[in-house]
């Protein structure tokens, strides 16, 4: 793996000191508005050099990389401060789902554009009355001729405003309830009947969106798995979301933590015994997070991810939200105001505000605890 790491480092160093030097550090949570075009060009450069979709089988354009090599890539990518990926939903979520549940025709159609950075995806799961309780989705789809026709609303849809396709969980069996009667549809975004409305967040940015389907259409063959089996496919997708990239995510967390410590020393907050204790606890919990992630990777290597992946999501999101609170605390009163025109947030203020969403998106903490209790520990449903 050492040689593989060196290969990654050398390539990233060359690219990020050349044409894409100005792309370093662009994007990320709360900053997805930054440099979209240059990050899209970067995504395509990654694809040209075969640095996307490393874990995919070679026959579908990947490298068949081991889990250890995938972890190495994500860690080195984060250490290089490379721009936040714009194709991560395609590569990390829908791509593996299509590989496992799709037909060969679907794989030939959808996988190559994802690998090359030519088509971007978003996730159509949450709805105004079906967020944490995803089984309550109301978006409907009916077959009409050779197409599915969709009506309904999705919300908190990350990057829908730049996506070419959306994978949509919709109710396709009239009268069905809960997990039954759902289907997993692949829907083009650029068409009549699809409206995207950005949601302005606390950070002032808008990477989340509402998506309205009013007679939107997709081909009858664009259903992943069999009609009515959407819940099983959707749960597999959520498992992939917590894969090898989480180790790279933790490099970013370490960078944020170091910035909090630096600020605490500068402001004198590190001399406060209570704040110092919180800093130490945060450092220890970050180390535990890495160990737990490595343990989770071991179970992932055995096959399709299971409910134990919820432990990782619960842990990092709760930790990161606490880090945001700590970031505000070490700034003191200065953290309550912006510096002046154009009144942009500093990094720690942005961390605090955006991290409030961490325990909600990608499965709320309450739902993660239910999954762990029922599916991992075998406890009865309460």
Foldseek 3Di string as FASTA:
>chain_A
DVVLLVVLLVVLVVVCVPPVVVQFQADDFLRPVGPPPSLLVVLLVCLVVQNALQCDDVVLPHVVDDLVSLLSNLQSCLVSSGHDHQLCCVNQFVLVLCVVFNDPVCSVPRRVCSSNSNFHEKEFFADPPPFLVRLQDAWEWEDDPFKIWIFDKGWQIFQLVPGQKYWHWHAYDPPDGGLWRIWTFIFGQPDPQWDWAFDQFPQRDTRIIMIGGDGGIDGNSRIGHDGGNHSVSVVLSLQSVLGSSVSSVLSVVVVLLVVLVVLLVVLVVCVPVVLVVVSVVLVVLSVVLNVVSVVQNVVVSVDRGDLVSLVSLLSVLVSQLVSLVSSLVSNPPVQVFADDVVRHHDPSNSSNRSSVCSCRPSHHNVSSVQSCVCVVVNHDDD
